[in-house]
Amino acid sequence: MIGIVLADDHKMFAKGIANLLDQVEDLEVLGIFQTGGDLLNYLENHEVDLVLTDMNMPGIDGLGVIQEIRKRKLKCKIIVLSMYDEEEIFKKCIKQGIDAYVLKDADPDELIYTIHEVLENNHIISFDKVLKQAEDDGYFDAYKLKYKLSKREIQIIRMLKQGKTNKEIADDLYLSVYTVETHRKNMYKKLGINSSLEFLKIVLELDI
């Protein structure tokens, strides 16, 4: 299990993120903190794999949290979860040694994907990549509006078109087979179909 702690002074947002992450099979939220100081106090006595921190918090802000974690030479990874898409703020975080920077209005699946990339040391961090998190692709928007599919569901459809099984998709996306099957059932409902044969026909016809 990947142990995660979250620092954000917006309770509703923090709990929403925690609930999202706890649904992922290999992720576990160990604590939610409203201030950077409370987070740092927790880290004094507990080992974690990953810190998710907001930038704008009372007392010790996100930048201060990052600086202190690196100063103490803690082994945890750090992902900034922020509403700010200013390059200057991004560069300051990079200078202090963050592992990733995710915008709060990015797709939730983007955060989960980034977490796994960071823990595997595969994440390439760049400001252009940050900006693209909030960009909408015109074709994708039209498609999603028509069929009401999430990015994750479209990702699964693409993999199905490649001939991958539920097990292979689950392994590639770090999900359980049950989760992939649940996504497929949800797509059945959204697309108004009742059988795997109908679904296969639509998957093969969709130009995505």
N, C-alpha and C. Protein backbone atom coordinates (compact mmCIF):
# COMPACT_ATOMS: atom_id res chain seq x y z
N MET A 1 0.83 -1.20 0.00
CA MET A 1 0.00 0.00 0.00
C MET A 1 0.87 1.25 0.00
N ILE A 2 0.39 2.26 -0.72
CA ILE A 2 1.06 3.56 -0.76
C ILE A 2 0.41 4.45 0.28
N GLY A 3 1.18 4.83 1.30
CA GLY A 3 0.65 5.67 2.37
C GLY A 3 0.74 7.15 2.00
N ILE A 4 -0.40 7.84 2.05
CA ILE A 4 -0.48 9.23 1.61
C ILE A 4 -1.02 10.11 2.72
N VAL A 5 -0.44 11.31 2.86
CA VAL A 5 -1.02 12.33 3.73
C VAL A 5 -1.32 13.56 2.89
N LEU A 6 -2.37 14.28 3.29
CA LEU A 6 -2.88 15.40 2.51
C LEU A 6 -2.98 16.64 3.39
N ALA A 7 -2.44 17.76 2.91
CA ALA A 7 -2.54 19.03 3.61
C ALA A 7 -3.30 20.03 2.75
N ASP A 8 -4.47 20.45 3.22
CA ASP A 8 -5.29 21.43 2.51
C ASP A 8 -6.29 22.01 3.49
N ASP A 9 -6.42 23.33 3.51
CA ASP A 9 -7.30 23.95 4.50
C ASP A 9 -8.76 23.99 4.05
N HIS A 10 -9.07 23.50 2.87
CA HIS A 10 -10.45 23.39 2.42
C HIS A 10 -10.96 21.98 2.74
N LYS A 11 -11.74 21.85 3.80
CA LYS A 11 -12.15 20.54 4.30
C LYS A 11 -12.87 19.70 3.25
N MET A 12 -13.83 20.32 2.56
CA MET A 12 -14.63 19.56 1.61
C MET A 12 -13.77 19.02 0.47
N PHE A 13 -12.87 19.87 -0.04
CA PHE A 13 -11.99 19.44 -1.12
C PHE A 13 -11.08 18.31 -0.64
N ALA A 14 -10.48 18.49 0.54
CA ALA A 14 -9.54 17.50 1.06
C ALA A 14 -10.22 16.15 1.27
N LYS A 15 -11.43 16.17 1.82
CA LYS A 15 -12.15 14.91 2.04
C LYS A 15 -12.54 14.27 0.72
N GLY A 16 -12.87 15.10 -0.27
CA GLY A 16 -13.20 14.56 -1.59
C GLY A 16 -12.02 13.85 -2.21
N ILE A 17 -10.84 14.46 -2.11
CA ILE A 17 -9.62 13.85 -2.63
C ILE A 17 -9.31 12.56 -1.88
N ALA A 18 -9.46 12.61 -0.57
CA ALA A 18 -9.19 11.42 0.25
C ALA A 18 -10.12 10.26 -0.13
N ASN A 19 -11.39 10.56 -0.32
CA ASN A 19 -12.35 9.53 -0.71
C ASN A 19 -12.00 8.96 -2.08
N LEU A 20 -11.57 9.83 -2.99
CA LEU A 20 -11.18 9.39 -4.32
C LEU A 20 -9.99 8.42 -4.25
N LEU A 21 -8.98 8.80 -3.49
CA LEU A 21 -7.77 7.99 -3.40
C LEU A 21 -8.01 6.68 -2.67
N ASP A 22 -8.87 6.71 -1.67
CA ASP A 22 -9.13 5.49 -0.90
C ASP A 22 -9.86 4.43 -1.73
N GLN A 23 -10.44 4.84 -2.83
CA GLN A 23 -11.12 3.88 -3.71
C GLN A 23 -10.14 3.13 -4.61
N VAL A 24 -8.90 3.63 -4.67
CA VAL A 24 -7.88 2.99 -5.49
C VAL A 24 -7.21 1.90 -4.65
N GLU A 25 -7.09 0.73 -5.24
CA GLU A 25 -6.71 -0.47 -4.49
C GLU A 25 -5.41 -0.34 -3.71
N ASP A 26 -4.39 0.31 -4.29
CA ASP A 26 -3.09 0.33 -3.63
C ASP A 26 -2.77 1.67 -2.95
N LEU A 27 -3.78 2.54 -2.80
CA LEU A 27 -3.58 3.83 -2.15
C LEU A 27 -4.32 3.89 -0.82
N GLU A 28 -3.68 4.50 0.17
CA GLU A 28 -4.30 4.64 1.49
C GLU A 28 -3.99 6.02 2.06
N VAL A 29 -5.03 6.80 2.36
CA VAL A 29 -4.83 8.11 2.97
C VAL A 29 -4.70 7.94 4.48
N LEU A 30 -3.54 8.30 5.00
CA LEU A 30 -3.24 8.10 6.41
C LEU A 30 -3.68 9.28 7.27
N GLY A 31 -3.82 10.45 6.65
CA GLY A 31 -4.21 11.62 7.42
C GLY A 31 -4.50 12.81 6.56
N ILE A 32 -5.42 13.68 7.03
CA ILE A 32 -5.76 14.94 6.37
C ILE A 32 -5.49 16.06 7.35
N PHE A 33 -4.76 17.07 6.90
CA PHE A 33 -4.36 18.16 7.79
C PHE A 33 -4.72 19.50 7.16
N GLN A 34 -5.19 20.42 7.99
CA GLN A 34 -5.63 21.72 7.49
C GLN A 34 -4.52 22.77 7.48
N THR A 35 -3.42 22.47 8.13
CA THR A 35 -2.29 23.40 8.13
C THR A 35 -1.00 22.65 7.85
N GLY A 36 -0.03 23.39 7.33
CA GLY A 36 1.28 22.80 7.08
C GLY A 36 1.95 22.38 8.38
N GLY A 37 1.72 23.13 9.44
CA GLY A 37 2.31 22.81 10.73
C GLY A 37 1.83 21.47 11.27
N ASP A 38 0.52 21.22 11.15
CA ASP A 38 -0.04 19.95 11.61
C ASP A 38 0.54 18.79 10.81
N LEU A 39 0.70 18.99 9.52
CA LEU A 39 1.28 17.95 8.67
C LEU A 39 2.70 17.64 9.10
N LEU A 40 3.50 18.67 9.31
CA LEU A 40 4.90 18.46 9.70
C LEU A 40 5.01 17.78 11.05
N ASN A 41 4.10 18.11 11.97
CA ASN A 41 4.09 17.45 13.28
C ASN A 41 3.83 15.95 13.12
N TYR A 42 2.94 15.61 12.22
CA TYR A 42 2.63 14.20 11.96
C TYR A 42 3.85 13.49 11.39
N LEU A 43 4.54 14.16 10.48
CA LEU A 43 5.69 13.54 9.81
C LEU A 43 6.86 13.30 10.75
N GLU A 44 6.87 13.99 11.89
CA GLU A 44 7.94 13.79 12.86
C GLU A 44 7.94 12.36 13.41
N ASN A 45 6.74 11.76 13.48
CA ASN A 45 6.63 10.45 14.12
C ASN A 45 6.07 9.36 13.22
N HIS A 46 5.80 9.69 11.96
CA HIS A 46 5.20 8.70 11.07
C HIS A 46 5.90 8.73 9.71
N GLU A 47 6.13 7.55 9.16
CA GLU A 47 6.70 7.46 7.81
C GLU A 47 5.56 7.36 6.79
N VAL A 48 5.68 8.13 5.72
CA VAL A 48 4.68 8.08 4.65
C VAL A 48 5.41 7.98 3.31
N ASP A 49 4.69 7.53 2.31
CA ASP A 49 5.28 7.42 0.97
C ASP A 49 5.12 8.71 0.18
N LEU A 50 4.02 9.42 0.43
CA LEU A 50 3.71 10.57 -0.42
C LEU A 50 2.98 11.65 0.37
N VAL A 51 3.38 12.90 0.10
CA VAL A 51 2.70 14.07 0.66
C VAL A 51 2.02 14.83 -0.48
N LEU A 52 0.73 15.06 -0.32
CA LEU A 52 -0.01 15.95 -1.23
C LEU A 52 -0.25 17.25 -0.48
N THR A 53 0.24 18.35 -1.01
CA THR A 53 0.08 19.60 -0.28
C THR A 53 -0.45 20.73 -1.16
N ASP A 54 -1.36 21.49 -0.57
CA ASP A 54 -1.85 22.72 -1.19
C ASP A 54 -0.77 23.78 -1.01
N MET A 55 -0.89 24.90 -1.73
CA MET A 55 0.09 25.97 -1.58
C MET A 55 -0.36 27.01 -0.56
N ASN A 56 -1.61 27.43 -0.64
CA ASN A 56 -2.11 28.52 0.20
C ASN A 56 -2.79 27.97 1.45
N MET A 57 -2.06 27.96 2.56
CA MET A 57 -2.58 27.46 3.83
C MET A 57 -2.19 28.41 4.95
N PRO A 58 -2.96 28.45 6.03
CA PRO A 58 -2.60 29.30 7.17
C PRO A 58 -1.32 28.81 7.85
N GLY A 59 -0.57 29.74 8.43
CA GLY A 59 0.68 29.36 9.09
C GLY A 59 1.75 29.01 8.08
N ILE A 60 2.24 27.79 8.15
CA ILE A 60 3.24 27.33 7.18
C ILE A 60 2.55 26.97 5.88
N ASP A 61 2.89 27.68 4.82
CA ASP A 61 2.24 27.41 3.54
C ASP A 61 2.89 26.22 2.83
N GLY A 62 2.40 25.93 1.62
CA GLY A 62 2.90 24.77 0.90
C GLY A 62 4.38 24.82 0.63
N LEU A 63 4.88 25.99 0.26
CA LEU A 63 6.30 26.12 -0.01
C LEU A 63 7.12 25.85 1.25
N GLY A 64 6.62 26.34 2.38
CA GLY A 64 7.30 26.09 3.65
C GLY A 64 7.31 24.61 4.01
N VAL A 65 6.21 23.94 3.71
CA VAL A 65 6.12 22.49 3.96
C VAL A 65 7.16 21.75 3.14
N ILE A 66 7.25 22.11 1.86
CA ILE A 66 8.22 21.45 0.97
C ILE A 66 9.65 21.67 1.47
N GLN A 67 9.96 22.92 1.81
CA GLN A 67 11.30 23.25 2.29
C GLN A 67 11.66 22.46 3.54
N GLU A 68 10.70 22.35 4.45
CA GLU A 68 10.97 21.67 5.72
C GLU A 68 11.14 20.16 5.51
N ILE A 69 10.33 19.59 4.64
CA ILE A 69 10.46 18.15 4.36
C ILE A 69 11.82 17.84 3.76
N ARG A 70 12.26 18.67 2.82
CA ARG A 70 13.56 18.45 2.20
C ARG A 70 14.69 18.73 3.19
N LYS A 71 14.51 19.72 4.04
CA LYS A 71 15.53 20.04 5.04
C LYS A 71 15.74 18.88 6.00
N ARG A 72 14.65 18.22 6.36
CA ARG A 72 14.72 17.08 7.29
C ARG A 72 15.14 15.80 6.58
N LYS A 73 15.30 15.87 5.26
CA LYS A 73 15.72 14.73 4.45
C LYS A 73 14.77 13.53 4.59
N LEU A 74 13.48 13.84 4.64
CA LEU A 74 12.48 12.77 4.68
C LEU A 74 12.40 12.12 3.31
N LYS A 75 12.14 10.84 3.29
CA LYS A 75 12.20 10.07 2.04
C LYS A 75 10.91 10.16 1.22
N CYS A 76 9.88 10.79 1.74
CA CYS A 76 8.59 10.81 1.05
C CYS A 76 8.64 11.66 -0.23
N LYS A 77 7.82 11.28 -1.19
CA LYS A 77 7.63 12.06 -2.40
C LYS A 77 6.68 13.21 -2.10
N ILE A 78 6.76 14.27 -2.92
CA ILE A 78 5.90 15.44 -2.71
C ILE A 78 5.21 15.81 -4.02
N ILE A 79 3.89 15.88 -3.96
CA ILE A 79 3.11 16.39 -5.09
C ILE A 79 2.34 17.62 -4.63
N VAL A 80 2.53 18.71 -5.33
CA VAL A 80 1.76 19.92 -5.05
C VAL A 80 0.41 19.80 -5.75
N LEU A 81 -0.65 20.06 -5.00
CA LEU A 81 -2.00 20.04 -5.55
C LEU A 81 -2.55 21.45 -5.39
N SER A 82 -2.56 22.20 -6.49
CA SER A 82 -2.78 23.65 -6.39
C SER A 82 -3.76 24.18 -7.42
N MET A 83 -4.36 25.31 -7.10
CA MET A 83 -5.24 26.00 -8.05
C MET A 83 -4.44 26.99 -8.91
N TYR A 84 -3.16 27.18 -8.59
CA TYR A 84 -2.35 28.18 -9.28
C TYR A 84 -1.61 27.58 -10.47
N ASP A 85 -1.83 28.18 -11.64
CA ASP A 85 -1.12 27.72 -12.84
C ASP A 85 -0.10 28.75 -13.32
N GLU A 86 0.40 29.58 -12.37
CA GLU A 86 1.43 30.56 -12.69
C GLU A 86 2.80 29.88 -12.74
N GLU A 87 3.55 30.18 -13.76
CA GLU A 87 4.85 29.53 -13.95
C GLU A 87 5.82 29.88 -12.84
N GLU A 88 5.74 31.09 -12.30
CA GLU A 88 6.67 31.50 -11.25
C GLU A 88 6.49 30.64 -10.00
N ILE A 89 5.24 30.37 -9.64
CA ILE A 89 4.98 29.52 -8.47
C ILE A 89 5.47 28.11 -8.74
N PHE A 90 5.21 27.63 -9.94
CA PHE A 90 5.66 26.30 -10.34
C PHE A 90 7.19 26.20 -10.21
N LYS A 91 7.91 27.20 -10.70
CA LYS A 91 9.37 27.17 -10.66
C LYS A 91 9.90 27.19 -9.22
N LYS A 92 9.22 27.92 -8.34
CA LYS A 92 9.64 27.97 -6.94
C LYS A 92 9.49 26.58 -6.31
N CYS A 93 8.42 25.90 -6.66
CA CYS A 93 8.21 24.54 -6.12
C CYS A 93 9.26 23.57 -6.66
N ILE A 94 9.56 23.71 -7.94
CA ILE A 94 10.59 22.85 -8.55
C ILE A 94 11.93 23.07 -7.87
N LYS A 95 12.24 24.32 -7.61
CA LYS A 95 13.51 24.66 -6.98
C LYS A 95 13.64 24.00 -5.60
N GLN A 96 12.52 23.84 -4.90
CA GLN A 96 12.54 23.25 -3.57
C GLN A 96 12.52 21.71 -3.61
N GLY A 97 12.31 21.14 -4.82
CA GLY A 97 12.45 19.70 -4.95
C GLY A 97 11.17 18.89 -4.94
N ILE A 98 10.08 19.43 -5.51
CA ILE A 98 8.85 18.64 -5.59
C ILE A 98 9.00 17.55 -6.65
N ASP A 99 8.10 16.58 -6.59
CA ASP A 99 8.13 15.48 -7.56
C ASP A 99 7.08 15.62 -8.66
N ALA A 100 6.03 16.41 -8.38
CA ALA A 100 4.99 16.64 -9.39
C ALA A 100 4.14 17.82 -8.96
N TYR A 101 3.45 18.40 -9.94
CA TYR A 101 2.59 19.57 -9.70
C TYR A 101 1.29 19.32 -10.45
N VAL A 102 0.19 19.20 -9.72
CA VAL A 102 -1.10 18.89 -10.32
C VAL A 102 -2.09 20.00 -9.99
N LEU A 103 -2.81 20.46 -11.01
CA LEU A 103 -3.81 21.50 -10.80
C LEU A 103 -5.08 20.90 -10.20
N LYS A 104 -5.75 21.69 -9.36
CA LYS A 104 -6.95 21.20 -8.69
C LYS A 104 -8.10 20.97 -9.66
N ASP A 105 -8.08 21.64 -10.80
CA ASP A 105 -9.16 21.44 -11.75
C ASP A 105 -8.80 20.41 -12.82
N ALA A 106 -7.72 19.68 -12.60
CA ALA A 106 -7.37 18.58 -13.52
C ALA A 106 -8.34 17.42 -13.30
N ASP A 107 -8.41 16.53 -14.26
CA ASP A 107 -9.24 15.35 -14.13
C ASP A 107 -8.74 14.51 -12.94
N PRO A 108 -9.64 14.00 -12.10
CA PRO A 108 -9.20 13.18 -10.95
C PRO A 108 -8.29 12.03 -11.34
N ASP A 109 -8.54 11.43 -12.49
CA ASP A 109 -7.68 10.33 -12.94
C ASP A 109 -6.26 10.79 -13.20
N GLU A 110 -6.10 12.08 -13.53
CA GLU A 110 -4.76 12.63 -13.76
C GLU A 110 -3.95 12.56 -12.47
N LEU A 111 -4.60 12.85 -11.35
CA LEU A 111 -3.92 12.80 -10.06
C LEU A 111 -3.50 11.37 -9.73
N ILE A 112 -4.40 10.43 -9.91
CA ILE A 112 -4.09 9.03 -9.60
C ILE A 112 -2.95 8.53 -10.48
N TYR A 113 -3.03 8.86 -11.76
CA TYR A 113 -1.97 8.46 -12.70
C TYR A 113 -0.63 9.06 -12.30
N THR A 114 -0.65 10.35 -11.92
CA THR A 114 0.60 11.04 -11.53
C THR A 114 1.19 10.43 -10.27
N ILE A 115 0.34 10.08 -9.32
CA ILE A 115 0.82 9.45 -8.08
C ILE A 115 1.60 8.18 -8.39
N HIS A 116 1.05 7.34 -9.24
CA HIS A 116 1.75 6.10 -9.59
C HIS A 116 3.04 6.37 -10.35
N GLU A 117 3.00 7.35 -11.25
CA GLU A 117 4.22 7.70 -11.99
C GLU A 117 5.32 8.17 -11.04
N VAL A 118 4.95 9.02 -10.09
CA VAL A 118 5.92 9.57 -9.14
C VAL A 118 6.52 8.46 -8.29
N LEU A 119 5.69 7.56 -7.79
CA LEU A 119 6.19 6.49 -6.92
C LEU A 119 7.08 5.51 -7.69
N GLU A 120 6.91 5.45 -9.01
CA GLU A 120 7.75 4.57 -9.83
C GLU A 120 8.94 5.33 -10.43
N ASN A 121 9.07 6.61 -10.06
CA ASN A 121 10.15 7.46 -10.57
C ASN A 121 10.09 7.61 -12.09
N ASN A 122 8.89 7.63 -12.63
CA ASN A 122 8.71 7.75 -14.08
C ASN A 122 8.11 9.10 -14.49
N HIS A 123 7.81 9.95 -13.51
CA HIS A 123 7.11 11.20 -13.85
C HIS A 123 8.08 12.24 -14.39
N ILE A 124 7.72 12.79 -15.54
CA ILE A 124 8.49 13.90 -16.13
C ILE A 124 7.74 15.19 -15.83
N ILE A 125 8.36 16.07 -15.08
CA ILE A 125 7.68 17.28 -14.64
C ILE A 125 8.05 18.45 -15.54
N SER A 126 7.02 19.13 -16.03
CA SER A 126 7.24 20.31 -16.87
C SER A 126 6.02 21.22 -16.76
N PHE A 127 6.23 22.51 -16.97
CA PHE A 127 5.13 23.46 -16.86
C PHE A 127 4.11 23.27 -17.98
N ASP A 128 4.58 22.94 -19.16
CA ASP A 128 3.66 22.69 -20.28
C ASP A 128 2.71 21.53 -19.94
N LYS A 129 3.25 20.53 -19.29
CA LYS A 129 2.44 19.38 -18.90
C LYS A 129 1.39 19.78 -17.86
N VAL A 130 1.78 20.68 -16.97
CA VAL A 130 0.85 21.18 -15.96
C VAL A 130 -0.32 21.91 -16.62
N LEU A 131 -0.01 22.78 -17.57
CA LEU A 131 -1.05 23.55 -18.24
C LEU A 131 -2.02 22.65 -19.00
N LYS A 132 -1.51 21.57 -19.56
CA LYS A 132 -2.36 20.67 -20.34
C LYS A 132 -3.35 19.92 -19.46
N GLN A 133 -3.09 19.88 -18.15
CA GLN A 133 -4.00 19.18 -17.25
C GLN A 133 -5.40 19.79 -17.27
N ALA A 134 -5.46 21.09 -17.47
CA ALA A 134 -6.74 21.79 -17.42
C ALA A 134 -7.28 22.11 -18.81
N GLU A 135 -6.52 21.77 -19.85
CA GLU A 135 -6.97 22.06 -21.20
C GLU A 135 -8.02 21.05 -21.63
N ASP A 136 -8.96 21.52 -22.44
CA ASP A 136 -9.98 20.63 -23.00
C ASP A 136 -9.69 20.42 -24.46
N ASP A 137 -9.69 19.17 -24.86
CA ASP A 137 -9.54 18.86 -26.27
C ASP A 137 -10.91 18.94 -26.92
N GLY A 138 -11.06 19.72 -27.99
CA GLY A 138 -12.36 19.97 -28.58
C GLY A 138 -13.09 18.70 -28.98
N TYR A 139 -12.37 17.78 -29.62
CA TYR A 139 -12.99 16.54 -30.06
C TYR A 139 -13.41 15.70 -28.86
N PHE A 140 -12.56 15.64 -27.87
CA PHE A 140 -12.88 14.86 -26.68
C PHE A 140 -14.10 15.44 -25.97
N ASP A 141 -14.18 16.79 -25.87
CA ASP A 141 -15.31 17.42 -25.22
C ASP A 141 -16.61 17.08 -25.92
N ALA A 142 -16.60 17.13 -27.26
CA ALA A 142 -17.80 16.81 -28.03
C ALA A 142 -18.20 15.37 -27.79
N TYR A 143 -17.21 14.51 -27.75
CA TYR A 143 -17.47 13.09 -27.53
C TYR A 143 -18.05 12.86 -26.13
N LYS A 144 -17.42 13.48 -25.15
CA LYS A 144 -17.86 13.28 -23.77
C LYS A 144 -19.26 13.85 -23.56
N LEU A 145 -19.54 14.97 -24.21
CA LEU A 145 -20.84 15.60 -24.08
C LEU A 145 -21.92 14.67 -24.65
N LYS A 146 -21.58 14.00 -25.75
CA LYS A 146 -22.55 13.12 -26.40
C LYS A 146 -22.76 11.83 -25.62
N TYR A 147 -21.71 11.24 -25.16
CA TYR A 147 -21.83 9.94 -24.52
C TYR A 147 -21.66 9.95 -23.00
N LYS A 148 -21.23 11.10 -22.47
CA LYS A 148 -21.07 11.26 -21.02
C LYS A 148 -20.08 10.26 -20.43
N LEU A 149 -19.02 10.01 -21.17
CA LEU A 149 -17.97 9.11 -20.69
C LEU A 149 -16.85 9.89 -20.04
N SER A 150 -16.26 9.31 -19.01
CA SER A 150 -15.12 9.93 -18.34
C SER A 150 -13.84 9.65 -19.12
N LYS A 151 -12.78 10.36 -18.76
CA LYS A 151 -11.48 10.11 -19.40
C LYS A 151 -11.02 8.67 -19.14
N ARG A 152 -11.26 8.19 -17.93
CA ARG A 152 -10.87 6.82 -17.60
C ARG A 152 -11.62 5.83 -18.47
N GLU A 153 -12.91 6.06 -18.67
CA GLU A 153 -13.70 5.15 -19.49
C GLU A 153 -13.22 5.15 -20.94
N ILE A 154 -12.89 6.33 -21.45
CA ILE A 154 -12.37 6.41 -22.82
C ILE A 154 -11.01 5.72 -22.91
N GLN A 155 -10.21 5.86 -21.85
CA GLN A 155 -8.92 5.19 -21.81
C GLN A 155 -9.11 3.67 -21.88
N ILE A 156 -10.09 3.16 -21.15
CA ILE A 156 -10.37 1.73 -21.16
C ILE A 156 -10.86 1.29 -22.54
N ILE A 157 -11.69 2.11 -23.17
CA ILE A 157 -12.17 1.78 -24.52
C ILE A 157 -11.00 1.67 -25.48
N ARG A 158 -10.07 2.60 -25.41
CA ARG A 158 -8.90 2.56 -26.29
C ARG A 158 -8.12 1.27 -26.09
N MET A 159 -7.99 0.84 -24.83
CA MET A 159 -7.24 -0.37 -24.54
C MET A 159 -8.00 -1.61 -25.00
N LEU A 160 -9.32 -1.56 -24.89
CA LEU A 160 -10.13 -2.67 -25.40
C LEU A 160 -9.98 -2.79 -26.91
N LYS A 161 -9.89 -1.64 -27.59
CA LYS A 161 -9.72 -1.66 -29.04
C LYS A 161 -8.37 -2.26 -29.43
N GLN A 162 -7.42 -2.22 -28.49
CA GLN A 162 -6.11 -2.82 -28.73
C GLN A 162 -6.13 -4.33 -28.48
N GLY A 163 -7.30 -4.83 -28.06
CA GLY A 163 -7.44 -6.26 -27.83
C GLY A 163 -7.08 -6.72 -26.43
N LYS A 164 -6.94 -5.78 -25.49
CA LYS A 164 -6.53 -6.14 -24.13
C LYS A 164 -7.71 -6.67 -23.33
N THR A 165 -7.44 -7.60 -22.46
CA THR A 165 -8.46 -8.18 -21.58
C THR A 165 -8.64 -7.28 -20.36
N ASN A 166 -9.71 -7.56 -19.59
CA ASN A 166 -9.93 -6.80 -18.36
C ASN A 166 -8.73 -6.91 -17.42
N LYS A 167 -8.15 -8.11 -17.34
CA LYS A 167 -6.99 -8.33 -16.46
C LYS A 167 -5.80 -7.51 -16.93
N GLU A 168 -5.55 -7.48 -18.23
CA GLU A 168 -4.42 -6.72 -18.76
C GLU A 168 -4.62 -5.22 -18.55
N ILE A 169 -5.86 -4.76 -18.74
CA ILE A 169 -6.17 -3.34 -18.51
C ILE A 169 -5.97 -3.00 -17.05
N ALA A 170 -6.45 -3.87 -16.17
CA ALA A 170 -6.30 -3.64 -14.72
C ALA A 170 -4.83 -3.54 -14.34
N ASP A 171 -4.01 -4.43 -14.88
CA ASP A 171 -2.57 -4.41 -14.58
C ASP A 171 -1.92 -3.13 -15.09
N ASP A 172 -2.28 -2.71 -16.31
CA ASP A 172 -1.68 -1.52 -16.91
C ASP A 172 -2.06 -0.25 -16.18
N LEU A 173 -3.29 -0.20 -15.64
CA LEU A 173 -3.80 1.02 -15.01
C LEU A 173 -3.72 0.97 -13.49
N TYR A 174 -3.13 -0.08 -12.96
CA TYR A 174 -3.00 -0.24 -11.51
C TYR A 174 -4.38 -0.25 -10.83
N LEU A 175 -5.30 -0.94 -11.43
CA LEU A 175 -6.64 -1.08 -10.89
C LEU A 175 -6.92 -2.56 -10.62
N SER A 176 -7.99 -2.82 -9.90
CA SER A 176 -8.42 -4.21 -9.74
C SER A 176 -9.28 -4.59 -10.94
N VAL A 177 -9.37 -5.87 -11.20
CA VAL A 177 -10.22 -6.35 -12.29
C VAL A 177 -11.67 -5.93 -12.01
N TYR A 178 -12.05 -5.97 -10.74
CA TYR A 178 -13.41 -5.57 -10.34
C TYR A 178 -13.68 -4.12 -10.74
N THR A 179 -12.69 -3.24 -10.54
CA THR A 179 -12.86 -1.83 -10.89
C THR A 179 -13.05 -1.66 -12.39
N VAL A 180 -12.27 -2.39 -13.18
CA VAL A 180 -12.41 -2.32 -14.64
C VAL A 180 -13.78 -2.81 -15.05
N GLU A 181 -14.23 -3.90 -14.45
CA GLU A 181 -15.55 -4.44 -14.77
C GLU A 181 -16.65 -3.45 -14.39
N THR A 182 -16.45 -2.75 -13.28
CA THR A 182 -17.42 -1.74 -12.86
C THR A 182 -17.48 -0.60 -13.86
N HIS A 183 -16.31 -0.18 -14.35
CA HIS A 183 -16.27 0.86 -15.39
C HIS A 183 -17.06 0.41 -16.62
N ARG A 184 -16.89 -0.84 -17.00
CA ARG A 184 -17.59 -1.36 -18.18
C ARG A 184 -19.10 -1.35 -17.96
N LYS A 185 -19.54 -1.74 -16.77
CA LYS A 185 -20.98 -1.73 -16.45
C LYS A 185 -21.53 -0.31 -16.51
N ASN A 186 -20.74 0.64 -16.00
CA ASN A 186 -21.18 2.03 -16.03
C ASN A 186 -21.30 2.53 -17.46
N MET A 187 -20.36 2.10 -18.32
CA MET A 187 -20.42 2.49 -19.73
C MET A 187 -21.64 1.89 -20.42
N TYR A 188 -22.00 0.67 -20.04
CA TYR A 188 -23.20 0.04 -20.60
C TYR A 188 -24.41 0.94 -20.36
N LYS A 189 -24.52 1.43 -19.11
CA LYS A 189 -25.65 2.28 -18.74
C LYS A 189 -25.64 3.59 -19.53
N LYS A 190 -24.45 4.20 -19.61
CA LYS A 190 -24.35 5.50 -20.29
C LYS A 190 -24.63 5.38 -21.78
N LEU A 191 -24.23 4.27 -22.37
CA LEU A 191 -24.41 4.06 -23.81
C LEU A 191 -25.74 3.40 -24.13
N GLY A 192 -26.50 3.01 -23.10
CA GLY A 192 -27.81 2.43 -23.31
C GLY A 192 -27.76 1.06 -23.97
N ILE A 193 -26.79 0.24 -23.57
CA ILE A 193 -26.66 -1.10 -24.16
C ILE A 193 -26.79 -2.15 -23.06
N ASN A 194 -27.06 -3.39 -23.47
CA ASN A 194 -27.32 -4.44 -22.49
C ASN A 194 -26.44 -5.66 -22.63
N SER A 195 -25.60 -5.70 -23.65
CA SER A 195 -24.79 -6.91 -23.85
C SER A 195 -23.37 -6.56 -24.25
N SER A 196 -22.49 -7.52 -24.01
CA SER A 196 -21.09 -7.33 -24.38
C SER A 196 -20.92 -7.25 -25.89
N LEU A 197 -21.82 -7.90 -26.63
CA LEU A 197 -21.75 -7.86 -28.09
C LEU A 197 -22.03 -6.45 -28.61
N GLU A 198 -23.07 -5.81 -28.04
CA GLU A 198 -23.38 -4.43 -28.42
C GLU A 198 -22.23 -3.51 -28.06
N PHE A 199 -21.65 -3.75 -26.89
CA PHE A 199 -20.54 -2.92 -26.44
C PHE A 199 -19.34 -3.06 -27.36
N LEU A 200 -19.04 -4.31 -27.75
CA LEU A 200 -17.92 -4.57 -28.65
C LEU A 200 -18.13 -3.85 -29.98
N LYS A 201 -19.35 -3.85 -30.47
CA LYS A 201 -19.67 -3.19 -31.74
C LYS A 201 -19.39 -1.69 -31.64
N ILE A 202 -19.82 -1.08 -30.53
CA ILE A 202 -19.60 0.35 -30.34
C ILE A 202 -18.11 0.66 -30.18
N VAL A 203 -17.41 -0.18 -29.41
CA VAL A 203 -15.98 0.01 -29.19
C VAL A 203 -15.22 0.02 -30.51
N LEU A 204 -15.58 -0.91 -31.40
CA LEU A 204 -14.90 -1.01 -32.68
C LEU A 204 -15.25 0.15 -33.62
N GLU A 205 -16.44 0.71 -33.46
CA GLU A 205 -16.88 1.78 -34.33
C GLU A 205 -16.39 3.16 -33.88
N LEU A 206 -16.17 3.32 -32.60
CA LEU A 206 -15.82 4.64 -32.07
C LEU A 206 -14.43 5.07 -32.56
N ASP A 207 -14.34 6.27 -33.08
CA ASP A 207 -13.08 6.81 -33.58
C ASP A 207 -12.43 7.64 -32.48
N ILE A 208 -11.80 6.97 -31.50
CA ILE A 208 -11.14 7.69 -30.39
C ILE A 208 -9.74 7.11 -30.20
